[in-house]
Amino acid sequence: MSRRLPLVVLLVCLTLWLAASYGLRYGLMEDVQWVGACSDETFRWQCAVRSNLGLLIHFGVFGWGALIMSVIAFFVPSRIGRVLAVIGLLLGMLALVLYTASLAVFAVVIAGLRLVRAA
């Protein structure tokens, strides 16, 4: 196995996660079609997902989750710390895309520092 393979896999996964996050933002949260449909029919599952996602964004769950995971990952040694840093990075990227940039910036920086730290 190549030394760079985990890095390449991580970058591909982060790219796909970023594309999915933007798809969620522009396809469900900001699309005018769902604004009109959810004001008329609130019992559709898409409207329930949109409403619950709006509540999670409003209370900053993604930003706080990313920050907590990143800080924990920074102090946990070995592979578990790396896994927690990747989770923090994924949550931080989602929070950056979904309007919680103030907390997510710190989470992404801390998770990135943990990932590049020597073993």
PDB file of N, CA and C in Angstrom:
ATOM      1  N   MET A   1       0.844  -1.172   0.000  1.00  0.00           N
ATOM      2  CA  MET A   1       0.000   0.000   0.000  1.00  0.00           C
ATOM      3  C   MET A   1       0.892   1.239   0.000  1.00  0.00           C
ATOM      4  N   SER A   2       0.535   2.184  -0.821  1.00  0.00           N
ATOM      5  CA  SER A   2       1.309   3.411  -0.930  1.00  0.00           C
ATOM      6  C   SER A   2       1.116   4.288   0.310  1.00  0.00           C
ATOM      7  N   ARG A   3       2.109   5.080   0.584  1.00  0.00           N
ATOM      8  CA  ARG A   3       2.043   5.987   1.738  1.00  0.00           C
ATOM      9  C   ARG A   3       1.033   7.107   1.521  1.00  0.00           C
ATOM     10  N   ARG A   4       0.805   7.443   0.272  1.00  0.00           N
ATOM     11  CA  ARG A   4      -0.081   8.557  -0.050  1.00  0.00           C
ATOM     12  C   ARG A   4      -1.527   8.127  -0.276  1.00  0.00           C
ATOM     13  N   LEU A   5      -1.789   6.854  -0.307  1.00  0.00           N
ATOM     14  CA  LEU A   5      -3.139   6.374  -0.574  1.00  0.00           C
ATOM     15  C   LEU A   5      -4.162   6.878   0.445  1.00  0.00           C
ATOM     16  N   PRO A   6      -3.893   6.845   1.754  1.00  0.00           N
ATOM     17  CA  PRO A   6      -4.893   7.393   2.694  1.00  0.00           C
ATOM     18  C   PRO A   6      -5.162   8.881   2.475  1.00  0.00           C
ATOM     19  N   LEU A   7      -4.144   9.640   2.096  1.00  0.00           N
ATOM     20  CA  LEU A   7      -4.322  11.062   1.830  1.00  0.00           C
ATOM     21  C   LEU A   7      -5.199  11.282   0.600  1.00  0.00           C
ATOM     22  N   VAL A   8      -4.964  10.502  -0.429  1.00  0.00           N
ATOM     23  CA  VAL A   8      -5.761  10.615  -1.656  1.00  0.00           C
ATOM     24  C   VAL A   8      -7.213  10.234  -1.380  1.00  0.00           C
ATOM     25  N   VAL A   9      -7.411   9.167  -0.627  1.00  0.00           N
ATOM     26  CA  VAL A   9      -8.772   8.738  -0.282  1.00  0.00           C
ATOM     27  C   VAL A   9      -9.473   9.809   0.550  1.00  0.00           C
ATOM     28  N   LEU A  10      -8.762  10.401   1.502  1.00  0.00           N
ATOM     29  CA  LEU A  10      -9.344  11.459   2.322  1.00  0.00           C
ATOM     30  C   LEU A  10      -9.724  12.665   1.473  1.00  0.00           C
ATOM     31  N   LEU A  11      -8.868  13.072   0.553  1.00  0.00           N
ATOM     32  CA  LEU A  11      -9.176  14.219  -0.299  1.00  0.00           C
ATOM     33  C   LEU A  11     -10.360  13.944  -1.223  1.00  0.00           C
ATOM     34  N   VAL A  12     -10.451  12.732  -1.748  1.00  0.00           N
ATOM     35  CA  VAL A  12     -11.598  12.379  -2.594  1.00  0.00           C
ATOM     36  C   VAL A  12     -12.885  12.380  -1.775  1.00  0.00           C
ATOM     37  N   CYS A  13     -12.825  11.825  -0.566  1.00  0.00           N
ATOM     38  CA  CYS A  13     -14.010  11.807   0.304  1.00  0.00           C
ATOM     39  C   CYS A  13     -14.422  13.223   0.706  1.00  0.00           C
ATOM     40  N   LEU A  14     -13.464  14.086   1.001  1.00  0.00           N
ATOM     41  CA  LEU A  14     -13.783  15.465   1.355  1.00  0.00           C
ATOM     42  C   LEU A  14     -14.401  16.215   0.173  1.00  0.00           C
ATOM     43  N   THR A  15     -13.923  15.943  -1.025  1.00  0.00           N
ATOM     44  CA  THR A  15     -14.490  16.573  -2.216  1.00  0.00           C
ATOM     45  C   THR A  15     -15.925  16.121  -2.440  1.00  0.00           C
ATOM     46  N   LEU A  16     -16.172  14.822  -2.322  1.00  0.00           N
ATOM     47  CA  LEU A  16     -17.537  14.311  -2.471  1.00  0.00           C
ATOM     48  C   LEU A  16     -18.463  14.842  -1.383  1.00  0.00           C
ATOM     49  N   TRP A  17     -17.958  14.933  -0.145  1.00  0.00           N
ATOM     50  CA  TRP A  17     -18.749  15.459   0.966  1.00  0.00           C
ATOM     51  C   TRP A  17     -19.092  16.933   0.735  1.00  0.00           C
ATOM     52  N   LEU A  18     -18.139  17.698   0.217  1.00  0.00           N
ATOM     53  CA  LEU A  18     -18.385  19.100  -0.067  1.00  0.00           C
ATOM     54  C   LEU A  18     -19.432  19.261  -1.168  1.00  0.00           C
ATOM     55  N   ALA A  19     -19.355  18.426  -2.193  1.00  0.00           N
ATOM     56  CA  ALA A  19     -20.345  18.481  -3.271  1.00  0.00           C
ATOM     57  C   ALA A  19     -21.736  18.100  -2.755  1.00  0.00           C
ATOM     58  N   ALA A  20     -21.809  17.085  -1.894  1.00  0.00           N
ATOM     59  CA  ALA A  20     -23.098  16.689  -1.321  1.00  0.00           C
ATOM     60  C   ALA A  20     -23.654  17.775  -0.413  1.00  0.00           C
ATOM     61  N   SER A  21     -22.790  18.453   0.323  1.00  0.00           N
ATOM     62  CA  SER A  21     -23.236  19.537   1.206  1.00  0.00           C
ATOM     63  C   SER A  21     -23.805  20.696   0.406  1.00  0.00           C
ATOM     64  N   TYR A  22     -23.130  21.063  -0.675  1.00  0.00           N
ATOM     65  CA  TYR A  22     -23.650  22.129  -1.521  1.00  0.00           C
ATOM     66  C   TYR A  22     -24.932  21.699  -2.224  1.00  0.00           C
ATOM     67  N   GLY A  23     -25.035  20.439  -2.600  1.00  0.00           N
ATOM     68  CA  GLY A  23     -26.276  19.932  -3.178  1.00  0.00           C
ATOM     69  C   GLY A  23     -27.427  20.031  -2.196  1.00  0.00           C
ATOM     70  N   LEU A  24     -27.165  19.721  -0.940  1.00  0.00           N
ATOM     71  CA  LEU A  24     -28.190  19.842   0.098  1.00  0.00           C
ATOM     72  C   LEU A  24     -28.587  21.293   0.309  1.00  0.00           C
ATOM     73  N   ARG A  25     -27.602  22.161   0.318  1.00  0.00           N
ATOM     74  CA  ARG A  25     -27.893  23.584   0.548  1.00  0.00           C
ATOM     75  C   ARG A  25     -28.718  24.175  -0.589  1.00  0.00           C
ATOM     76  N   TYR A  26     -28.234  24.015  -1.832  1.00  0.00           N
ATOM     77  CA  TYR A  26     -28.899  24.655  -2.956  1.00  0.00           C
ATOM     78  C   TYR A  26     -30.059  23.825  -3.504  1.00  0.00           C
ATOM     79  N   GLY A  27     -30.080  22.540  -3.252  1.00  0.00           N
ATOM     80  CA  GLY A  27     -31.158  21.704  -3.762  1.00  0.00           C
ATOM     81  C   GLY A  27     -32.350  21.610  -2.845  1.00  0.00           C
ATOM     82  N   LEU A  28     -32.132  21.743  -1.539  1.00  0.00           N
ATOM     83  CA  LEU A  28     -33.237  21.591  -0.596  1.00  0.00           C
ATOM     84  C   LEU A  28     -33.503  22.854   0.213  1.00  0.00           C
ATOM     85  N   MET A  29     -32.461  23.489   0.703  1.00  0.00           N
ATOM     86  CA  MET A  29     -32.661  24.619   1.610  1.00  0.00           C
ATOM     87  C   MET A  29     -32.992  25.927   0.884  1.00  0.00           C
ATOM     88  N   GLU A  30     -32.356  26.191  -0.244  1.00  0.00           N
ATOM     89  CA  GLU A  30     -32.545  27.477  -0.915  1.00  0.00           C
ATOM     90  C   GLU A  30     -33.364  27.397  -2.194  1.00  0.00           C
ATOM     91  N   ASP A  31     -33.850  26.242  -2.550  1.00  0.00           N
ATOM     92  CA  ASP A  31     -34.626  26.101  -3.777  1.00  0.00           C
ATOM     93  C   ASP A  31     -36.025  26.671  -3.571  1.00  0.00           C
ATOM     94  N   VAL A  32     -36.453  27.520  -4.478  1.00  0.00           N
ATOM     95  CA  VAL A  32     -37.749  28.179  -4.374  1.00  0.00           C
ATOM     96  C   VAL A  32     -38.889  27.171  -4.464  1.00  0.00           C
ATOM     97  N   GLN A  33     -38.665  26.081  -5.169  1.00  0.00           N
ATOM     98  CA  GLN A  33     -39.694  25.041  -5.300  1.00  0.00           C
ATOM     99  C   GLN A  33     -40.112  24.509  -3.936  1.00  0.00           C
ATOM    100  N   TRP A  34     -39.159  24.294  -3.032  1.00  0.00           N
ATOM    101  CA  TRP A  34     -39.476  23.727  -1.723  1.00  0.00           C
ATOM    102  C   TRP A  34     -40.098  24.750  -0.791  1.00  0.00           C
ATOM    103  N   VAL A  35     -39.794  26.015  -0.995  1.00  0.00           N
ATOM    104  CA  VAL A  35     -40.416  27.050  -0.167  1.00  0.00           C
ATOM    105  C   VAL A  35     -41.915  27.066  -0.410  1.00  0.00           C
ATOM    106  N   GLY A  36     -42.304  27.034  -1.673  1.00  0.00           N
ATOM    107  CA  GLY A  36     -43.726  27.026  -2.008  1.00  0.00           C
ATOM    108  C   GLY A  36     -44.410  25.732  -1.638  1.00  0.00           C
ATOM    109  N   ALA A  37     -43.752  24.615  -1.887  1.00  0.00           N
ATOM    110  CA  ALA A  37     -44.365  23.317  -1.600  1.00  0.00           C
ATOM    111  C   ALA A  37     -44.514  23.088  -0.099  1.00  0.00           C
ATOM    112  N   CYS A  38     -43.562  23.543   0.684  1.00  0.00           N
ATOM    113  CA  CYS A  38     -43.620  23.310   2.129  1.00  0.00           C
ATOM    114  C   CYS A  38     -44.551  24.282   2.843  1.00  0.00           C
ATOM    115  N   SER A  39     -44.889  25.385   2.191  1.00  0.00           N
ATOM    116  CA  SER A  39     -45.866  26.277   2.819  1.00  0.00           C
ATOM    117  C   SER A  39     -47.285  25.748   2.636  1.00  0.00           C
ATOM    118  N   ASP A  40     -47.513  24.979   1.578  1.00  0.00           N
ATOM    119  CA  ASP A  40     -48.832  24.407   1.325  1.00  0.00           C
ATOM    120  C   ASP A  40     -49.010  23.041   1.977  1.00  0.00           C
ATOM    121  N   GLU A  41     -48.074  22.138   1.722  1.00  0.00           N
ATOM    122  CA  GLU A  41     -48.165  20.764   2.211  1.00  0.00           C
ATOM    123  C   GLU A  41     -47.026  20.497   3.172  1.00  0.00           C
ATOM    124  N   THR A  42     -47.301  20.547   4.445  1.00  0.00           N
ATOM    125  CA  THR A  42     -46.228  20.355   5.424  1.00  0.00           C
ATOM    126  C   THR A  42     -46.028  18.890   5.786  1.00  0.00           C
ATOM    127  N   PHE A  43     -46.836  17.989   5.256  1.00  0.00           N
ATOM    128  CA  PHE A  43     -46.708  16.581   5.616  1.00  0.00           C
ATOM    129  C   PHE A  43     -45.821  15.801   4.654  1.00  0.00           C
ATOM    130  N   ARG A  44     -45.175  16.446   3.717  1.00  0.00           N
ATOM    131  CA  ARG A  44     -44.237  15.760   2.825  1.00  0.00           C
ATOM    132  C   ARG A  44     -42.938  15.503   3.580  1.00  0.00           C
ATOM    133  N   TRP A  45     -42.282  14.401   3.289  1.00  0.00           N
ATOM    134  CA  TRP A  45     -41.063  14.060   4.010  1.00  0.00           C
ATOM    135  C   TRP A  45     -39.936  15.052   3.701  1.00  0.00           C
ATOM    136  N   GLN A  46     -39.916  15.610   2.505  1.00  0.00           N
ATOM    137  CA  GLN A  46     -38.897  16.593   2.169  1.00  0.00           C
ATOM    138  C   GLN A  46     -39.053  17.848   3.027  1.00  0.00           C
ATOM    139  N   CYS A  47     -40.300  18.206   3.304  1.00  0.00           N
ATOM    140  CA  CYS A  47     -40.548  19.385   4.137  1.00  0.00           C
ATOM    141  C   CYS A  47     -40.134  19.129   5.583  1.00  0.00           C
ATOM    142  N   ALA A  48     -40.352  17.896   6.053  1.00  0.00           N
ATOM    143  CA  ALA A  48     -39.925  17.557   7.411  1.00  0.00           C
ATOM    144  C   ALA A  48     -38.405  17.587   7.530  1.00  0.00           C
ATOM    145  N   VAL A  49     -37.711  17.054   6.524  1.00  0.00           N
ATOM    146  CA  VAL A  49     -36.240  17.089   6.522  1.00  0.00           C
ATOM    147  C   VAL A  49     -35.752  18.526   6.470  1.00  0.00           C
ATOM    148  N   ARG A  50     -36.370  19.328   5.629  1.00  0.00           N
ATOM    149  CA  ARG A  50     -35.978  20.733   5.497  1.00  0.00           C
ATOM    150  C   ARG A  50     -36.208  21.490   6.806  1.00  0.00           C
ATOM    151  N   SER A  51     -37.323  21.227   7.445  1.00  0.00           N
ATOM    152  CA  SER A  51     -37.633  21.898   8.702  1.00  0.00           C
ATOM    153  C   SER A  51     -36.668  21.488   9.811  1.00  0.00           C
ATOM    154  N   ASN A  52     -36.421  20.195   9.933  1.00  0.00           N
ATOM    155  CA  ASN A  52     -35.497  19.725  10.975  1.00  0.00           C
ATOM    156  C   ASN A  52     -34.063  20.186  10.714  1.00  0.00           C
ATOM    157  N   LEU A  53     -33.664  20.197   9.453  1.00  0.00           N
ATOM    158  CA  LEU A  53     -32.336  20.693   9.116  1.00  0.00           C
ATOM    159  C   LEU A  53     -32.222  22.185   9.431  1.00  0.00           C
ATOM    160  N   GLY A  54     -33.290  22.919   9.207  1.00  0.00           N
ATOM    161  CA  GLY A  54     -33.308  24.335   9.571  1.00  0.00           C
ATOM    162  C   GLY A  54     -33.153  24.542  11.067  1.00  0.00           C
ATOM    163  N   LEU A  55     -33.792  23.689  11.864  1.00  0.00           N
ATOM    164  CA  LEU A  55     -33.628  23.783  13.316  1.00  0.00           C
ATOM    165  C   LEU A  55     -32.197  23.452  13.746  1.00  0.00           C
ATOM    166  N   LEU A  56     -31.607  22.427  13.138  1.00  0.00           N
ATOM    167  CA  LEU A  56     -30.220  22.076  13.455  1.00  0.00           C
ATOM    168  C   LEU A  56     -29.271  23.221  13.098  1.00  0.00           C
ATOM    169  N   ILE A  57     -29.540  23.880  11.973  1.00  0.00           N
ATOM    170  CA  ILE A  57     -28.722  25.022  11.571  1.00  0.00           C
ATOM    171  C   ILE A  57     -28.927  26.177  12.539  1.00  0.00           C
ATOM    172  N   HIS A  58     -30.170  26.434  12.907  1.00  0.00           N
ATOM    173  CA  HIS A  58     -30.485  27.558  13.791  1.00  0.00           C
ATOM    174  C   HIS A  58     -29.794  27.427  15.152  1.00  0.00           C
ATOM    175  N   PHE A  59     -29.784  26.231  15.699  1.00  0.00           N
ATOM    176  CA  PHE A  59     -29.169  26.025  17.002  1.00  0.00           C
ATOM    177  C   PHE A  59     -27.670  25.742  16.919  1.00  0.00           C
ATOM    178  N   GLY A  60     -27.117  25.703  15.712  1.00  0.00           N
ATOM    179  CA  GLY A  60     -25.675  25.549  15.546  1.00  0.00           C
ATOM    180  C   GLY A  60     -25.154  24.177  15.908  1.00  0.00           C
ATOM    181  N   VAL A  61     -25.953  23.150  15.717  1.00  0.00           N
ATOM    182  CA  VAL A  61     -25.558  21.792  16.102  1.00  0.00           C
ATOM    183  C   VAL A  61     -24.340  21.325  15.310  1.00  0.00           C
ATOM    184  N   PHE A  62     -24.308  21.630  14.024  1.00  0.00           N
ATOM    185  CA  PHE A  62     -23.180  21.177  13.204  1.00  0.00           C
ATOM    186  C   PHE A  62     -21.890  21.890  13.593  1.00  0.00           C
ATOM    187  N   GLY A  63     -21.965  23.171  13.834  1.00  0.00           N
ATOM    188  CA  GLY A  63     -20.771  23.926  14.227  1.00  0.00           C
ATOM    189  C   GLY A  63     -20.235  23.505  15.581  1.00  0.00           C
ATOM    190  N   TRP A  64     -21.126  23.380  16.572  1.00  0.00           N
ATOM    191  CA  TRP A  64     -20.686  22.953  17.902  1.00  0.00           C
ATOM    192  C   TRP A  64     -20.190  21.511  17.884  1.00  0.00           C
ATOM    193  N   GLY A  65     -20.871  20.650  17.130  1.00  0.00           N
ATOM    194  CA  GLY A  65     -20.419  19.259  17.027  1.00  0.00           C
ATOM    195  C   GLY A  65     -19.037  19.158  16.413  1.00  0.00           C
ATOM    196  N   ALA A  66     -18.804  19.945  15.366  1.00  0.00           N
ATOM    197  CA  ALA A  66     -17.487  19.947  14.723  1.00  0.00           C
ATOM    198  C   ALA A  66     -16.413  20.473  15.661  1.00  0.00           C
ATOM    199  N   LEU A  67     -16.736  21.532  16.382  1.00  0.00           N
ATOM    200  CA  LEU A  67     -15.749  22.110  17.299  1.00  0.00           C
ATOM    201  C   LEU A  67     -15.426  21.166  18.448  1.00  0.00           C
ATOM    202  N   ILE A  68     -16.425  20.545  19.012  1.00  0.00           N
ATOM    203  CA  ILE A  68     -16.202  19.598  20.112  1.00  0.00           C
ATOM    204  C   ILE A  68     -15.397  18.395  19.636  1.00  0.00           C
ATOM    205  N   MET A  69     -15.752  17.844  18.473  1.00  0.00           N
ATOM    206  CA  MET A  69     -15.006  16.695  17.947  1.00  0.00           C
ATOM    207  C   MET A  69     -13.556  17.056  17.646  1.00  0.00           C
ATOM    208  N   SER A  70     -13.349  18.229  17.095  1.00  0.00           N
ATOM    209  CA  SER A  70     -11.988  18.637  16.746  1.00  0.00           C
ATOM    210  C   SER A  70     -11.131  18.859  17.980  1.00  0.00           C
ATOM    211  N   VAL A  71     -11.694  19.473  19.005  1.00  0.00           N
ATOM    212  CA  VAL A  71     -10.923  19.708  20.229  1.00  0.00           C
ATOM    213  C   VAL A  71     -10.612  18.387  20.922  1.00  0.00           C
ATOM    214  N   ILE A  72     -11.578  17.491  20.982  1.00  0.00           N
ATOM    215  CA  ILE A  72     -11.316  16.168  21.574  1.00  0.00           C
ATOM    216  C   ILE A  72     -10.245  15.442  20.768  1.00  0.00           C
ATOM    217  N   ALA A  73     -10.350  15.514  19.440  1.00  0.00           N
ATOM    218  CA  ALA A  73      -9.375  14.831  18.583  1.00  0.00           C
ATOM    219  C   ALA A  73      -7.977  15.395  18.759  1.00  0.00           C
ATOM    220  N   PHE A  74      -7.876  16.665  19.070  1.00  0.00           N
ATOM    221  CA  PHE A  74      -6.568  17.290  19.226  1.00  0.00           C
ATOM    222  C   PHE A  74      -5.803  16.720  20.420  1.00  0.00           C
ATOM    223  N   PHE A  75      -6.534  16.282  21.426  1.00  0.00           N
ATOM    224  CA  PHE A  75      -5.887  15.783  22.639  1.00  0.00           C
ATOM    225  C   PHE A  75      -5.840  14.257  22.726  1.00  0.00           C
ATOM    226  N   VAL A  76      -6.575  13.561  21.884  1.00  0.00           N
ATOM    227  CA  VAL A  76      -6.575  12.094  21.907  1.00  0.00           C
ATOM    228  C   VAL A  76      -5.451  11.595  21.006  1.00  0.00           C
ATOM    229  N   PRO A  77      -4.600  10.718  21.507  1.00  0.00           N
ATOM    230  CA  PRO A  77      -3.483  10.238  20.692  1.00  0.00           C
ATOM    231  C   PRO A  77      -3.903   9.119  19.730  1.00  0.00           C
ATOM    232  N   SER A  78      -2.997   8.773  18.868  1.00  0.00           N
ATOM    233  CA  SER A  78      -3.042   7.635  17.951  1.00  0.00           C
ATOM    234  C   SER A  78      -4.152   7.740  16.923  1.00  0.00           C
ATOM    235  N   ARG A  79      -4.591   6.583  16.460  1.00  0.00           N
ATOM    236  CA  ARG A  79      -5.541   6.495  15.358  1.00  0.00           C
ATOM    237  C   ARG A  79      -6.926   6.996  15.738  1.00  0.00           C
ATOM    238  N   ILE A  80      -7.310   6.854  16.971  1.00  0.00           N
ATOM    239  CA  ILE A  80      -8.628   7.319  17.403  1.00  0.00           C
ATOM    240  C   ILE A  80      -8.717   8.836  17.255  1.00  0.00           C
ATOM    241  N   GLY A  81      -7.652   9.526  17.580  1.00  0.00           N
ATOM    242  CA  GLY A  81      -7.618  10.970  17.403  1.00  0.00           C
ATOM    243  C   GLY A  81      -7.735  11.382  15.946  1.00  0.00           C
ATOM    244  N   ARG A  82      -7.120  10.609  15.067  1.00  0.00           N
ATOM    245  CA  ARG A  82      -7.226  10.900  13.634  1.00  0.00           C
ATOM    246  C   ARG A  82      -8.650  10.696  13.133  1.00  0.00           C
ATOM    247  N   VAL A  83      -9.288   9.635  13.583  1.00  0.00           N
ATOM    248  CA  VAL A  83     -10.672   9.368  13.178  1.00  0.00           C
ATOM    249  C   VAL A  83     -11.594  10.477  13.680  1.00  0.00           C
ATOM    250  N   LEU A  84     -11.410  10.888  14.913  1.00  0.00           N
ATOM    251  CA  LEU A  84     -12.215  11.985  15.456  1.00  0.00           C
ATOM    252  C   LEU A  84     -11.948  13.291  14.709  1.00  0.00           C
ATOM    253  N   ALA A  85     -10.705  13.505  14.288  1.00  0.00           N
ATOM    254  CA  ALA A  85     -10.375  14.705  13.519  1.00  0.00           C
ATOM    255  C   ALA A  85     -11.054  14.683  12.149  1.00  0.00           C
ATOM    256  N   VAL A  86     -11.112  13.524  11.527  1.00  0.00           N
ATOM    257  CA  VAL A  86     -11.803  13.415  10.235  1.00  0.00           C
ATOM    258  C   VAL A  86     -13.293  13.685  10.417  1.00  0.00           C
ATOM    259  N   ILE A  87     -13.886  13.151  11.472  1.00  0.00           N
ATOM    260  CA  ILE A  87     -15.302  13.415  11.743  1.00  0.00           C
ATOM    261  C   ILE A  87     -15.523  14.899  12.009  1.00  0.00           C
ATOM    262  N   GLY A  88     -14.632  15.508  12.781  1.00  0.00           N
ATOM    263  CA  GLY A  88     -14.723  16.940  13.027  1.00  0.00           C
ATOM    264  C   GLY A  88     -14.571  17.757  11.756  1.00  0.00           C
ATOM    265  N   LEU A  89     -13.682  17.310  10.870  1.00  0.00           N
ATOM    266  CA  LEU A  89     -13.482  17.993   9.602  1.00  0.00           C
ATOM    267  C   LEU A  89     -14.721  17.880   8.717  1.00  0.00           C
ATOM    268  N   LEU A  90     -15.330  16.713   8.674  1.00  0.00           N
ATOM    269  CA  LEU A  90     -16.544  16.531   7.878  1.00  0.00           C
ATOM    270  C   LEU A  90     -17.695  17.374   8.423  1.00  0.00           C
ATOM    271  N   LEU A  91     -17.872  17.371   9.728  1.00  0.00           N
ATOM    272  CA  LEU A  91     -18.917  18.205  10.332  1.00  0.00           C
ATOM    273  C   LEU A  91     -18.617  19.691  10.136  1.00  0.00           C
ATOM    274  N   GLY A  92     -17.346  20.047  10.218  1.00  0.00           N
ATOM    275  CA  GLY A  92     -16.961  21.437  10.015  1.00  0.00           C
ATOM    276  C   GLY A  92     -17.215  21.916   8.602  1.00  0.00           C
ATOM    277  N   MET A  93     -16.950  21.076   7.622  1.00  0.00           N
ATOM    278  CA  MET A  93     -17.233  21.451   6.241  1.00  0.00           C
ATOM    279  C   MET A  93     -18.734  21.586   6.013  1.00  0.00           C
ATOM    280  N   LEU A  94     -19.514  20.694   6.612  1.00  0.00           N
ATOM    281  CA  LEU A  94     -20.968  20.799   6.503  1.00  0.00           C
ATOM    282  C   LEU A  94     -21.458  22.091   7.155  1.00  0.00           C
ATOM    283  N   ALA A  95     -20.887  22.429   8.304  1.00  0.00           N
ATOM    284  CA  ALA A  95     -21.281  23.653   8.993  1.00  0.00           C
ATOM    285  C   ALA A  95     -20.862  24.896   8.204  1.00  0.00           C
ATOM    286  N   LEU A  96     -19.717  24.842   7.540  1.00  0.00           N
ATOM    287  CA  LEU A  96     -19.297  25.978   6.713  1.00  0.00           C
ATOM    288  C   LEU A  96     -20.275  26.216   5.570  1.00  0.00           C
ATOM    289  N   VAL A  97     -20.733  25.150   4.966  1.00  0.00           N
ATOM    290  CA  VAL A  97     -21.670  25.272   3.851  1.00  0.00           C
ATOM    291  C   VAL A  97     -23.060  25.671   4.340  1.00  0.00           C
ATOM    292  N   LEU A  98     -23.454  25.171   5.505  1.00  0.00           N
ATOM    293  CA  LEU A  98     -24.809  25.406   6.008  1.00  0.00           C
ATOM    294  C   LEU A  98     -24.851  26.507   7.065  1.00  0.00           C
ATOM    295  N   TYR A  99     -24.251  27.646   6.779  1.00  0.00           N
ATOM    296  CA  TYR A  99     -24.487  28.898   7.500  1.00  0.00           C
ATOM    297  C   TYR A  99     -23.959  28.971   8.931  1.00  0.00           C
ATOM    298  N   THR A 100     -23.063  28.121   9.370  1.00  0.00           N
ATOM    299  CA  THR A 100     -22.522  28.204  10.726  1.00  0.00           C
ATOM    300  C   THR A 100     -21.007  28.401  10.647  1.00  0.00           C
ATOM    301  N   ALA A 101     -20.599  29.373   9.889  1.00  0.00           N
ATOM    302  CA  ALA A 101     -19.180  29.546   9.592  1.00  0.00           C
ATOM    303  C   ALA A 101     -18.373  30.013  10.785  1.00  0.00           C
ATOM    304  N   SER A 102     -18.976  30.734  11.719  1.00  0.00           N
ATOM    305  CA  SER A 102     -18.204  31.297  12.825  1.00  0.00           C
ATOM    306  C   SER A 102     -17.582  30.210  13.698  1.00  0.00           C
ATOM    307  N   LEU A 103     -18.297  29.137  13.953  1.00  0.00           N
ATOM    308  CA  LEU A 103     -17.750  28.034  14.742  1.00  0.00           C
ATOM    309  C   LEU A 103     -16.965  27.052  13.878  1.00  0.00           C
ATOM    310  N   ALA A 104     -17.422  26.856  12.662  1.00  0.00           N
ATOM    311  CA  ALA A 104     -16.829  25.834  11.803  1.00  0.00           C
ATOM    312  C   ALA A 104     -15.409  26.187  11.372  1.00  0.00           C
ATOM    313  N   VAL A 105     -15.102  27.450  11.270  1.00  0.00           N
ATOM    314  CA  VAL A 105     -13.755  27.843  10.866  1.00  0.00           C
ATOM    315  C   VAL A 105     -12.731  27.322  11.865  1.00  0.00           C
ATOM    316  N   PHE A 106     -13.007  27.519  13.134  1.00  0.00           N
ATOM    317  CA  PHE A 106     -12.089  27.037  14.164  1.00  0.00           C
ATOM    318  C   PHE A 106     -12.021  25.514  14.182  1.00  0.00           C
ATOM    319  N   ALA A 107     -13.158  24.867  13.986  1.00  0.00           N
ATOM    320  CA  ALA A 107     -13.186  23.400  13.990  1.00  0.00           C
ATOM    321  C   ALA A 107     -12.361  22.830  12.842  1.00  0.00           C
ATOM    322  N   VAL A 108     -12.475  23.413  11.665  1.00  0.00           N
ATOM    323  CA  VAL A 108     -11.727  22.915  10.504  1.00  0.00           C
ATOM    324  C   VAL A 108     -10.230  23.129  10.704  1.00  0.00           C
ATOM    325  N   VAL A 109      -9.848  24.271  11.256  1.00  0.00           N
ATOM    326  CA  VAL A 109      -8.424  24.535  11.503  1.00  0.00           C
ATOM    327  C   VAL A 109      -7.867  23.560  12.542  1.00  0.00           C
ATOM    328  N   ILE A 110      -8.593  23.348  13.625  1.00  0.00           N
ATOM    329  CA  ILE A 110      -8.116  22.435  14.678  1.00  0.00           C
ATOM    330  C   ILE A 110      -8.040  21.005  14.155  1.00  0.00           C
ATOM    331  N   ALA A 111      -9.067  20.574  13.408  1.00  0.00           N
ATOM    332  CA  ALA A 111      -9.039  19.218  12.843  1.00  0.00           C
ATOM    333  C   ALA A 111      -7.910  19.067  11.834  1.00  0.00           C
ATOM    334  N   GLY A 112      -7.692  20.091  11.025  1.00  0.00           N
ATOM    335  CA  GLY A 112      -6.586  20.035  10.072  1.00  0.00           C
ATOM    336  C   GLY A 112      -5.232  19.971  10.753  1.00  0.00           C
ATOM    337  N   LEU A 113      -5.080  20.740  11.841  1.00  0.00           N
ATOM    338  CA  LEU A 113      -3.823  20.666  12.595  1.00  0.00           C
ATOM    339  C   LEU A 113      -3.614  19.289  13.194  1.00  0.00           C
ATOM    340  N   ARG A 114      -4.682  18.682  13.659  1.00  0.00           N
ATOM    341  CA  ARG A 114      -4.560  17.341  14.237  1.00  0.00           C
ATOM    342  C   ARG A 114      -4.190  16.319  13.170  1.00  0.00           C
ATOM    343  N   LEU A 115      -4.721  16.487  11.966  1.00  0.00           N
ATOM    344  CA  LEU A 115      -4.431  15.524  10.899  1.00  0.00           C
ATOM    345  C   LEU A 115      -3.005  15.625  10.382  1.00  0.00           C
ATOM    346  N   VAL A 116      -2.405  16.805  10.420  1.00  0.00           N
ATOM    347  CA  VAL A 116      -1.053  16.944   9.898  1.00  0.00           C
ATOM    348  C   VAL A 116       0.014  16.767  10.984  1.00  0.00           C
ATOM    349  N   ARG A 117      -0.402  16.609  12.222  1.00  0.00           N
ATOM    350  CA  ARG A 117       0.556  16.433  13.311  1.00  0.00           C
ATOM    351  C   ARG A 117       1.262  15.090  13.157  1.00  0.00           C
ATOM    352  N   ALA A 118       2.539  15.081  13.427  1.00  0.00           N
ATOM    353  CA  ALA A 118       3.325  13.861  13.301  1.00  0.00           C
ATOM    354  C   ALA A 118       2.908  12.862  14.375  1.00  0.00           C
ATOM    355  N   ALA A 119       3.019  11.591  14.049  1.00  0.00           N
ATOM    356  CA  ALA A 119       2.592  10.541  14.988  1.00  0.00           C
ATOM    357  C   ALA A 119       3.558  10.417  16.152  1.00  0.00           C
TER     358      ALA A 119
END
